[in-house]
Amino acid sequence: MPPWVEQVQDVKAAYILPGNPDEQDPADRRDSVVIEYTSGDAGQRCTAMRALAGPEHGFIAFTPTGTAVDSNGCLSVKLGS
């Protein structure tokens, strides 16, 4: 796990999702840091992760209300109804 992950608060779980070396897009070949948060907005969490980690990892942020991925510009997708 990258050292910057230890600076992140409200974390339920964190892990690395291996990239796919067969993907055409280099961004899809990167490993992604996946963080499940206990609270907050997924889009805001994803944006903050991007600022901490730089370009070497992808990011996926899960919160109780949504999920966001850096490859879609950290647009949050709402979970549930």
N, C-alpha and C. Protein backbone atom coordinates (compact mmCIF):
# COMPACT_ATOMS: atom_id res chain seq x y z
N MET A 1 0.85 -1.17 0.00
CA MET A 1 0.00 0.00 0.00
C MET A 1 0.90 1.24 0.00
N PRO A 2 0.58 2.23 -0.83
CA PRO A 2 1.38 3.46 -0.85
C PRO A 2 1.33 4.16 0.52
N PRO A 3 2.42 4.81 0.93
CA PRO A 3 2.47 5.42 2.25
C PRO A 3 1.43 6.52 2.48
N TRP A 4 0.99 7.20 1.42
CA TRP A 4 0.02 8.28 1.61
C TRP A 4 -1.33 7.78 2.11
N VAL A 5 -1.62 6.50 1.93
CA VAL A 5 -2.91 5.95 2.37
C VAL A 5 -3.06 6.08 3.88
N GLU A 6 -1.95 6.01 4.62
CA GLU A 6 -2.02 6.12 6.08
C GLU A 6 -2.47 7.50 6.54
N GLN A 7 -2.39 8.51 5.67
CA GLN A 7 -2.83 9.86 6.01
C GLN A 7 -4.35 10.02 5.88
N VAL A 8 -4.99 9.09 5.22
CA VAL A 8 -6.41 9.19 4.93
C VAL A 8 -7.23 8.78 6.16
N GLN A 9 -8.26 9.56 6.47
CA GLN A 9 -9.10 9.27 7.63
C GLN A 9 -10.44 8.67 7.20
N ASP A 10 -11.15 8.11 8.18
CA ASP A 10 -12.47 7.51 7.97
C ASP A 10 -12.42 6.32 7.01
N VAL A 11 -11.37 5.51 7.12
CA VAL A 11 -11.19 4.37 6.21
C VAL A 11 -11.70 3.09 6.87
N LYS A 12 -12.58 2.41 6.16
CA LYS A 12 -13.07 1.10 6.60
C LYS A 12 -12.13 0.00 6.12
N ALA A 13 -11.68 0.12 4.87
CA ALA A 13 -10.77 -0.87 4.27
C ALA A 13 -10.01 -0.21 3.13
N ALA A 14 -8.80 -0.73 2.87
CA ALA A 14 -8.00 -0.23 1.75
C ALA A 14 -7.22 -1.40 1.17
N TYR A 15 -7.16 -1.46 -0.16
CA TYR A 15 -6.41 -2.53 -0.81
C TYR A 15 -6.01 -2.10 -2.22
N ILE A 16 -5.13 -2.87 -2.82
CA ILE A 16 -4.67 -2.61 -4.20
C ILE A 16 -5.42 -3.56 -5.13
N LEU A 17 -5.97 -3.00 -6.19
CA LEU A 17 -6.61 -3.78 -7.25
C LEU A 17 -5.62 -3.79 -8.42
N PRO A 18 -5.06 -4.96 -8.76
CA PRO A 18 -4.06 -5.01 -9.84
C PRO A 18 -4.63 -4.53 -11.17
N GLY A 19 -3.79 -3.83 -11.91
CA GLY A 19 -4.18 -3.39 -13.24
C GLY A 19 -4.19 -4.55 -14.22
N ASN A 20 -4.73 -4.30 -15.39
CA ASN A 20 -4.80 -5.33 -16.43
C ASN A 20 -3.74 -5.03 -17.49
N PRO A 21 -2.65 -5.81 -17.55
CA PRO A 21 -1.57 -5.53 -18.50
C PRO A 21 -2.00 -5.64 -19.96
N ASP A 22 -3.14 -6.27 -20.22
CA ASP A 22 -3.61 -6.43 -21.60
C ASP A 22 -4.44 -5.24 -22.10
N GLU A 23 -4.73 -4.29 -21.24
CA GLU A 23 -5.54 -3.12 -21.64
C GLU A 23 -4.75 -2.23 -22.59
N GLN A 24 -5.45 -1.63 -23.53
CA GLN A 24 -4.82 -0.73 -24.49
C GLN A 24 -4.45 0.59 -23.84
N ASP A 25 -5.32 1.13 -23.02
CA ASP A 25 -5.10 2.42 -22.36
C ASP A 25 -4.13 2.26 -21.20
N PRO A 26 -3.01 3.00 -21.19
CA PRO A 26 -2.05 2.87 -20.08
C PRO A 26 -2.66 3.12 -18.71
N ALA A 27 -3.67 3.99 -18.64
CA ALA A 27 -4.32 4.26 -17.35
C ALA A 27 -5.00 3.01 -16.80
N ASP A 28 -5.48 2.13 -17.68
CA ASP A 28 -6.15 0.91 -17.25
C ASP A 28 -5.15 -0.19 -16.87
N ARG A 29 -3.89 0.01 -17.20
CA ARG A 29 -2.86 -0.97 -16.83
C ARG A 29 -2.30 -0.70 -15.44
N ARG A 30 -2.54 0.50 -14.91
CA ARG A 30 -2.04 0.84 -13.57
C ARG A 30 -2.77 0.05 -12.50
N ASP A 31 -2.08 -0.21 -11.40
CA ASP A 31 -2.76 -0.73 -10.23
C ASP A 31 -3.62 0.39 -9.65
N SER A 32 -4.74 0.03 -9.06
CA SER A 32 -5.61 1.02 -8.45
C SER A 32 -5.64 0.85 -6.94
N VAL A 33 -5.62 1.97 -6.24
CA VAL A 33 -5.82 1.97 -4.79
C VAL A 33 -7.32 2.08 -4.56
N VAL A 34 -7.86 1.11 -3.85
CA VAL A 34 -9.29 1.09 -3.55
C VAL A 34 -9.43 1.40 -2.06
N ILE A 35 -10.22 2.43 -1.75
CA ILE A 35 -10.46 2.77 -0.36
C ILE A 35 -11.96 2.81 -0.12
N GLU A 36 -12.37 2.07 0.91
CA GLU A 36 -13.76 2.10 1.36
C GLU A 36 -13.81 3.02 2.57
N TYR A 37 -14.56 4.11 2.43
CA TYR A 37 -14.69 5.11 3.49
C TYR A 37 -15.94 4.85 4.32
N THR A 38 -15.91 5.30 5.57
CA THR A 38 -17.07 5.16 6.45
C THR A 38 -18.08 6.29 6.25
N SER A 39 -17.66 7.38 5.58
CA SER A 39 -18.54 8.53 5.38
C SER A 39 -18.03 9.37 4.22
N GLY A 40 -18.80 10.41 3.89
CA GLY A 40 -18.36 11.38 2.89
C GLY A 40 -18.92 11.14 1.51
N ASP A 41 -18.55 12.04 0.61
CA ASP A 41 -18.96 11.98 -0.78
C ASP A 41 -17.88 11.29 -1.60
N ALA A 42 -18.25 10.31 -2.38
CA ALA A 42 -17.27 9.53 -3.14
C ALA A 42 -16.48 10.39 -4.12
N GLY A 43 -17.13 11.32 -4.79
CA GLY A 43 -16.44 12.18 -5.74
C GLY A 43 -15.38 13.05 -5.06
N GLN A 44 -15.73 13.62 -3.91
CA GLN A 44 -14.77 14.44 -3.17
C GLN A 44 -13.63 13.59 -2.65
N ARG A 45 -13.93 12.40 -2.17
CA ARG A 45 -12.88 11.49 -1.68
C ARG A 45 -11.94 11.11 -2.81
N CYS A 46 -12.48 10.81 -3.97
CA CYS A 46 -11.67 10.43 -5.13
C CYS A 46 -10.76 11.58 -5.54
N THR A 47 -11.28 12.79 -5.58
CA THR A 47 -10.49 13.96 -5.95
C THR A 47 -9.34 14.16 -4.96
N ALA A 48 -9.62 13.99 -3.68
CA ALA A 48 -8.57 14.13 -2.67
C ALA A 48 -7.51 13.05 -2.83
N MET A 49 -7.92 11.83 -3.15
CA MET A 49 -6.97 10.73 -3.36
C MET A 49 -6.07 11.04 -4.55
N ARG A 50 -6.62 11.58 -5.60
CA ARG A 50 -5.84 11.91 -6.79
C ARG A 50 -4.75 12.92 -6.44
N ALA A 51 -5.09 13.91 -5.63
CA ALA A 51 -4.13 14.93 -5.23
C ALA A 51 -3.00 14.32 -4.39
N LEU A 52 -3.31 13.34 -3.57
CA LEU A 52 -2.29 12.71 -2.72
C LEU A 52 -1.38 11.77 -3.50
N ALA A 53 -1.92 11.01 -4.42
CA ALA A 53 -1.19 9.90 -5.01
C ALA A 53 -0.45 10.22 -6.30
N GLY A 54 -0.88 11.22 -7.02
CA GLY A 54 -0.24 11.49 -8.30
C GLY A 54 -0.64 10.47 -9.36
N PRO A 55 0.13 10.39 -10.44
CA PRO A 55 -0.29 9.60 -11.60
C PRO A 55 0.04 8.11 -11.56
N GLU A 56 0.78 7.65 -10.56
CA GLU A 56 1.24 6.27 -10.65
C GLU A 56 0.19 5.21 -10.31
N HIS A 57 -0.88 5.60 -9.64
CA HIS A 57 -1.95 4.66 -9.31
C HIS A 57 -3.29 5.20 -9.80
N GLY A 58 -4.20 4.29 -10.06
CA GLY A 58 -5.59 4.67 -10.26
C GLY A 58 -6.25 4.71 -8.88
N PHE A 59 -7.48 5.21 -8.79
CA PHE A 59 -8.16 5.28 -7.51
C PHE A 59 -9.62 4.91 -7.67
N ILE A 60 -10.12 4.23 -6.68
CA ILE A 60 -11.54 3.93 -6.60
C ILE A 60 -11.95 4.24 -5.17
N ALA A 61 -12.94 5.11 -5.01
CA ALA A 61 -13.42 5.49 -3.69
C ALA A 61 -14.85 4.98 -3.51
N PHE A 62 -15.07 4.27 -2.41
CA PHE A 62 -16.40 3.81 -2.05
C PHE A 62 -16.81 4.51 -0.76
N THR A 63 -18.02 5.01 -0.70
CA THR A 63 -18.60 5.53 0.54
C THR A 63 -19.94 4.83 0.71
N PRO A 64 -20.60 5.01 1.86
CA PRO A 64 -21.90 4.36 2.03
C PRO A 64 -22.95 4.81 1.00
N THR A 65 -22.74 5.96 0.37
CA THR A 65 -23.76 6.47 -0.57
C THR A 65 -23.35 6.45 -2.03
N GLY A 66 -22.08 6.14 -2.34
CA GLY A 66 -21.69 6.18 -3.73
C GLY A 66 -20.31 5.62 -3.98
N THR A 67 -19.92 5.65 -5.25
CA THR A 67 -18.59 5.20 -5.66
C THR A 67 -18.08 6.14 -6.75
N ALA A 68 -16.76 6.31 -6.81
CA ALA A 68 -16.17 7.16 -7.84
C ALA A 68 -14.82 6.58 -8.25
N VAL A 69 -14.50 6.73 -9.54
CA VAL A 69 -13.26 6.19 -10.10
C VAL A 69 -12.54 7.34 -10.80
N ASP A 70 -11.22 7.41 -10.61
CA ASP A 70 -10.49 8.54 -11.21
C ASP A 70 -10.56 8.54 -12.73
N SER A 71 -10.68 7.37 -13.34
CA SER A 71 -10.71 7.32 -14.81
C SER A 71 -11.98 7.91 -15.39
N ASN A 72 -13.01 8.15 -14.56
CA ASN A 72 -14.20 8.84 -15.07
C ASN A 72 -14.27 10.25 -14.50
N GLY A 73 -13.10 10.81 -14.13
CA GLY A 73 -13.05 12.18 -13.64
C GLY A 73 -13.59 12.32 -12.23
N CYS A 74 -13.61 11.23 -11.47
CA CYS A 74 -14.11 11.22 -10.10
C CYS A 74 -15.58 11.61 -10.00
N LEU A 75 -16.33 11.36 -11.07
CA LEU A 75 -17.78 11.57 -11.00
C LEU A 75 -18.37 10.50 -10.08
N SER A 76 -19.14 10.91 -9.13
CA SER A 76 -19.70 9.98 -8.15
C SER A 76 -20.95 9.32 -8.70
N VAL A 77 -21.03 8.02 -8.52
CA VAL A 77 -22.22 7.26 -8.88
C VAL A 77 -22.92 6.90 -7.58
N LYS A 78 -24.15 7.31 -7.44
CA LYS A 78 -24.90 7.06 -6.21
C LYS A 78 -25.28 5.59 -6.10
N LEU A 79 -25.18 5.07 -4.89
CA LEU A 79 -25.55 3.69 -4.62
C LEU A 79 -26.93 3.68 -3.96
N GLY A 80 -27.69 2.65 -4.25
CA GLY A 80 -29.00 2.49 -3.61
C GLY A 80 -30.02 3.49 -4.11
N SER A 81 -31.08 3.63 -3.31
CA SER A 81 -32.16 4.54 -3.74
C SER A 81 -32.36 5.65 -2.76
